[in-house]
Amino acid sequence: MLELHQFRHSAFCLKVRMVLQAKGLSYRVVEVMPGLGQVALFRLSGQRQVPVLVDDNTVVADSSAIARHLEHVARDPQLLPADPQQAAQVHLIEDWADTTFAAAGRSALVQAAALDPELRMALLPDEVPDPLRSAMGAIPGGWVNTVTELVQQGERADLLASLEQLARSVESSPWLVGTAMSMADLAVAAQLSLLRFPPSSGTPLAGKGVPGLSDHPKLQSLFHWRDQLELKLMERSLEEV
């Protein structure tokens, strides 16, 4: 069976889970504990970052590399279009989601967590001891001024403008490229989940996110699209069971 080594709330790990669900593949999750768990991961894969997929004797790191490996494992549905022009569009959108969007979204989430103790605690791994969890929740807001400097107003404005364009796109078509689900959809949907966590994130996190983006009126169709896509993937994975 395929084995996914992950951090539960990593958007890149979510991207891989969505690919696995889209292809109806069975897999086992290994939750990596930051710190000691990453040492074991390094022994397995030669690096400390997640996600890492183990497929028998093959070990693949990086969400995009894993996605392309899974394209060969299960060709249905095809998430990388055969048409060269559409394939190029998918590659560009996936690369934007994994780099520019990911960096801006991560910074925005750090700011939101600094301001919201409940969000900060919900993001902690389940394995974190209760005393440390309580201490993290009790950190005073004085450090927020330092953290908010990480998020530049220009970066937030650029991100919002891009998301508004995506919202208009999904209002006219359910797929970002062509007439079928592609890696572009999954890469964008995964990163959106850090701006407003989907129902699958569980009770402590579901619905929480980045104020000013998660509740922005022009982005609601985009989050609805993300939720509907996740629902489709869950239904597909259940059909394969």
Protein backbone atom coordinates (compact mmCIF):
# COMPACT_ATOMS: atom_id res chain seq x y z
CA MET A 1 0.00 0.00 0.00
CA LEU A 2 1.12 3.56 -0.68
CA GLU A 3 2.38 5.41 2.40
CA LEU A 4 2.17 9.20 2.73
CA HIS A 5 4.42 10.88 5.28
CA GLN A 6 2.91 14.26 6.05
CA PHE A 7 2.10 17.19 8.31
CA ARG A 8 -1.68 17.17 8.59
CA HIS A 9 -2.18 20.88 7.94
CA SER A 10 0.37 21.27 5.16
CA ALA A 11 -1.24 22.47 1.94
CA PHE A 12 1.30 20.48 -0.07
CA CYS A 13 0.35 17.30 1.78
CA LEU A 14 -3.32 18.10 1.17
CA LYS A 15 -2.53 18.47 -2.53
CA VAL A 16 -1.10 14.93 -2.56
CA ARG A 17 -4.09 13.54 -0.66
CA MET A 18 -6.38 15.15 -3.22
CA VAL A 19 -4.45 13.51 -6.06
CA LEU A 20 -4.69 10.14 -4.30
CA GLN A 21 -8.44 10.62 -3.83
CA ALA A 22 -8.93 11.73 -7.43
CA LYS A 23 -7.26 8.54 -8.63
CA GLY A 24 -9.08 6.33 -6.12
CA LEU A 25 -5.84 4.99 -4.66
CA SER A 26 -5.64 3.40 -1.21
CA TYR A 27 -2.93 4.79 1.04
CA ARG A 28 -1.79 4.97 4.64
CA VAL A 29 -0.91 8.23 6.38
CA VAL A 30 2.15 8.56 8.59
CA GLU A 31 1.97 11.80 10.58
CA VAL A 32 5.46 13.28 10.99
CA MET A 33 6.17 14.93 14.32
CA PRO A 34 8.17 18.14 13.78
CA GLY A 35 11.67 17.66 15.12
CA LEU A 36 12.35 14.01 15.95
CA GLY A 37 9.96 12.75 13.31
CA GLN A 38 11.85 14.71 10.68
CA VAL A 39 15.06 12.91 11.62
CA ALA A 40 13.40 9.59 10.75
CA LEU A 41 12.06 11.15 7.56
CA PHE A 42 15.58 12.22 6.60
CA ARG A 43 16.81 8.65 7.02
CA LEU A 44 14.01 7.49 4.75
CA SER A 45 14.13 10.11 2.01
CA GLY A 46 17.34 12.12 2.38
CA GLN A 47 15.48 15.32 3.30
CA ARG A 48 13.31 16.63 6.14
CA GLN A 49 10.44 18.21 4.22
CA VAL A 50 7.00 16.69 3.67
CA PRO A 51 5.22 15.31 1.77
CA VAL A 52 7.08 12.07 1.07
CA LEU A 53 5.42 9.12 -0.65
CA VAL A 54 6.64 5.55 -0.26
CA ASP A 55 5.57 3.21 -3.06
CA ASP A 56 7.16 -0.17 -2.31
CA ASN A 57 10.88 0.47 -2.88
CA THR A 58 10.33 3.89 -4.45
CA VAL A 59 10.52 6.99 -2.26
CA VAL A 60 9.31 10.28 -3.80
CA ALA A 61 9.52 13.73 -2.19
CA ASP A 62 7.86 17.03 -3.23
CA SER A 63 4.15 17.32 -4.00
CA SER A 64 4.60 17.94 -7.74
CA ALA A 65 7.02 15.04 -8.14
CA ILE A 66 4.63 12.79 -6.21
CA ALA A 67 1.70 13.91 -8.39
CA ARG A 68 3.62 13.02 -11.54
CA HIS A 69 4.60 9.65 -10.07
CA LEU A 70 0.93 8.96 -9.36
CA GLU A 71 0.05 9.88 -12.96
CA HIS A 72 2.01 6.77 -13.97
CA VAL A 73 0.63 4.62 -11.16
CA ALA A 74 -3.00 5.34 -12.12
CA ARG A 75 -3.73 7.07 -15.42
CA ASP A 76 -7.44 7.62 -14.75
CA PRO A 77 -8.34 10.40 -14.43
CA GLN A 78 -5.57 12.15 -16.31
CA LEU A 79 -4.63 15.24 -14.30
CA LEU A 80 -1.99 16.45 -16.75
CA PRO A 81 -3.67 17.17 -20.11
CA ALA A 82 -2.35 15.56 -23.27
CA ASP A 83 -2.90 18.81 -25.19
CA PRO A 84 0.41 20.75 -25.06
CA GLN A 85 -1.21 24.17 -24.65
CA GLN A 86 -3.45 23.01 -21.80
CA ALA A 87 -0.54 21.15 -20.21
CA ALA A 88 1.48 24.38 -20.23
CA GLN A 89 -1.41 26.27 -18.63
CA VAL A 90 -1.74 23.62 -15.91
CA HIS A 91 2.00 23.77 -15.23
CA LEU A 92 1.96 27.57 -14.91
CA ILE A 93 -1.03 27.60 -12.54
CA GLU A 94 0.39 24.77 -10.42
CA ASP A 95 3.76 26.52 -10.20
CA TRP A 96 2.07 29.81 -9.17
CA ALA A 97 0.00 28.00 -6.53
CA ASP A 98 3.04 26.18 -5.12
CA THR A 99 5.27 29.27 -4.98
CA THR A 100 3.73 32.76 -5.05
CA PHE A 101 0.32 31.76 -3.64
CA ALA A 102 1.84 29.40 -1.07
CA ALA A 103 4.27 32.02 0.26
CA ALA A 104 1.66 34.77 0.50
CA GLY A 105 -0.95 32.44 1.98
CA ARG A 106 1.47 31.08 4.56
CA SER A 107 2.46 34.60 5.66
CA ALA A 108 -1.19 35.59 5.94
CA LEU A 109 -1.96 32.51 8.04
CA VAL A 110 1.00 33.22 10.36
CA GLN A 111 -0.40 36.70 10.93
CA ALA A 112 -3.90 35.35 11.58
CA ALA A 113 -2.56 32.75 14.03
CA ALA A 114 -0.57 35.42 15.87
CA LEU A 115 -3.77 37.37 16.43
CA ASP A 116 -6.03 34.39 17.24
CA PRO A 117 -4.95 32.05 20.09
CA GLU A 118 -7.66 29.50 19.21
CA LEU A 119 -6.42 29.23 15.63
CA ARG A 120 -2.83 29.03 16.85
CA MET A 121 -3.63 26.12 19.16
CA ALA A 122 -5.75 24.31 16.57
CA LEU A 123 -2.81 24.32 14.16
CA LEU A 124 -0.55 22.50 16.62
CA PRO A 125 0.06 18.78 15.93
CA ASP A 126 -2.10 16.43 18.01
CA GLU A 127 1.06 14.98 19.59
CA VAL A 128 2.00 18.28 21.28
CA PRO A 129 1.70 17.84 25.08
CA ASP A 130 -1.14 19.72 26.77
CA PRO A 131 1.18 21.94 28.91
CA LEU A 132 2.98 23.18 25.78
CA ARG A 133 -0.32 23.59 23.97
CA SER A 134 -1.65 25.74 26.81
CA ALA A 135 1.55 27.80 26.87
CA MET A 136 1.26 28.50 23.14
CA GLY A 137 -2.32 29.65 23.59
CA ALA A 138 -1.32 31.99 26.42
CA ILE A 139 1.45 33.82 24.52
CA PRO A 140 0.73 37.56 24.88
CA GLY A 141 -0.10 39.65 21.84
CA GLY A 142 3.03 41.79 22.14
CA TRP A 143 4.86 39.63 19.62
CA VAL A 144 2.17 40.26 17.03
CA ASN A 145 3.75 43.54 15.92
CA THR A 146 6.88 41.66 14.86
CA VAL A 147 4.97 38.94 13.06
CA THR A 148 2.69 41.32 11.17
CA GLU A 149 5.76 42.86 9.56
CA LEU A 150 6.16 39.58 7.65
CA VAL A 151 3.00 40.32 5.70
CA GLN A 152 3.46 43.27 3.39
CA GLN A 153 0.37 45.17 2.35
CA GLY A 154 1.43 44.99 -1.28
CA GLU A 155 1.75 41.20 -1.08
CA ARG A 156 -1.74 40.91 0.40
CA ALA A 157 -3.19 43.20 -2.28
CA ASP A 158 -1.54 41.17 -5.06
CA LEU A 159 -2.86 37.94 -3.58
CA LEU A 160 -6.38 39.33 -3.30
CA ALA A 161 -6.30 40.52 -6.92
CA SER A 162 -5.22 37.05 -8.11
CA LEU A 163 -7.88 35.33 -6.02
CA GLU A 164 -10.58 37.64 -7.37
CA GLN A 165 -9.54 36.62 -10.90
CA LEU A 166 -9.77 32.95 -9.92
CA ALA A 167 -13.19 33.53 -8.37
CA ARG A 168 -14.47 34.98 -11.64
CA SER A 169 -12.99 32.02 -13.49
CA VAL A 170 -14.72 29.35 -11.40
CA GLU A 171 -18.01 31.24 -11.61
CA SER A 172 -17.99 30.63 -15.37
CA SER A 173 -16.41 27.14 -15.45
CA PRO A 174 -15.89 24.42 -12.81
CA TRP A 175 -12.33 23.76 -14.05
CA LEU A 176 -9.42 26.18 -14.30
CA VAL A 177 -8.06 24.59 -17.49
CA GLY A 178 -10.09 22.79 -20.14
CA THR A 179 -13.22 20.77 -19.44
CA ALA A 180 -11.97 18.33 -16.80
CA MET A 181 -10.24 18.28 -13.43
CA SER A 182 -6.50 18.90 -13.63
CA MET A 183 -3.51 19.41 -11.37
CA ALA A 184 -4.18 23.15 -11.60
CA ASP A 185 -7.48 22.72 -9.74
CA LEU A 186 -5.95 20.56 -7.01
CA ALA A 187 -2.92 22.80 -6.46
CA VAL A 188 -5.04 25.94 -6.10
CA ALA A 189 -7.69 24.22 -3.95
CA ALA A 190 -5.03 22.90 -1.56
CA GLN A 191 -3.53 26.35 -0.96
CA LEU A 192 -6.99 27.89 -0.52
CA SER A 193 -7.48 25.58 2.44
CA LEU A 194 -4.96 27.59 4.46
CA LEU A 195 -6.95 30.77 3.92
CA ARG A 196 -10.19 29.13 5.10
CA PHE A 197 -9.99 25.60 6.43
CA PRO A 198 -12.50 23.17 4.89
CA PRO A 199 -14.89 20.90 6.84
CA SER A 200 -12.45 17.99 6.46
CA SER A 201 -9.98 19.84 8.72
CA GLY A 202 -12.06 18.86 11.75
CA THR A 203 -14.00 20.78 14.36
CA PRO A 204 -11.19 22.94 15.83
CA LEU A 205 -10.19 24.34 12.42
CA ALA A 206 -13.16 24.04 10.03
CA GLY A 207 -14.29 27.48 8.91
CA LYS A 208 -11.37 29.29 10.56
CA GLY A 209 -8.92 31.19 8.42
CA VAL A 210 -7.44 34.53 7.48
CA PRO A 211 -9.71 37.52 8.25
CA GLY A 212 -10.05 39.81 5.26
CA LEU A 213 -9.64 36.90 2.84
CA SER A 214 -11.73 34.03 4.25
CA ASP A 215 -14.70 36.38 4.67
CA HIS A 216 -14.13 38.58 1.63
CA PRO A 217 -17.43 38.82 -0.31
CA LYS A 218 -15.73 38.56 -3.72
CA LEU A 219 -14.02 35.29 -2.77
CA GLN A 220 -17.00 33.31 -1.47
CA SER A 221 -17.60 31.62 -4.84
CA LEU A 222 -13.96 30.50 -4.82
CA PHE A 223 -14.20 28.88 -1.38
CA HIS A 224 -17.51 27.28 -2.40
CA TRP A 225 -15.76 25.88 -5.50
CA ARG A 226 -13.00 24.49 -3.26
CA ASP A 227 -15.53 22.83 -0.95
CA GLN A 228 -17.45 21.32 -3.87
CA LEU A 229 -14.23 19.97 -5.36
CA GLU A 230 -13.30 18.35 -2.06
CA LEU A 231 -16.78 16.81 -1.86
CA LYS A 232 -16.39 15.36 -5.37
CA LEU A 233 -13.03 13.84 -4.41
CA MET A 234 -14.43 12.30 -1.21
CA GLU A 235 -17.36 10.79 -3.14
CA ARG A 236 -14.98 9.39 -5.74
CA SER A 237 -12.72 7.80 -3.10
CA LEU A 238 -15.77 6.18 -1.44
CA GLU A 239 -16.88 4.76 -4.80
CA GLU A 240 -13.49 3.07 -5.16
CA VAL A 241 -13.71 1.38 -1.75
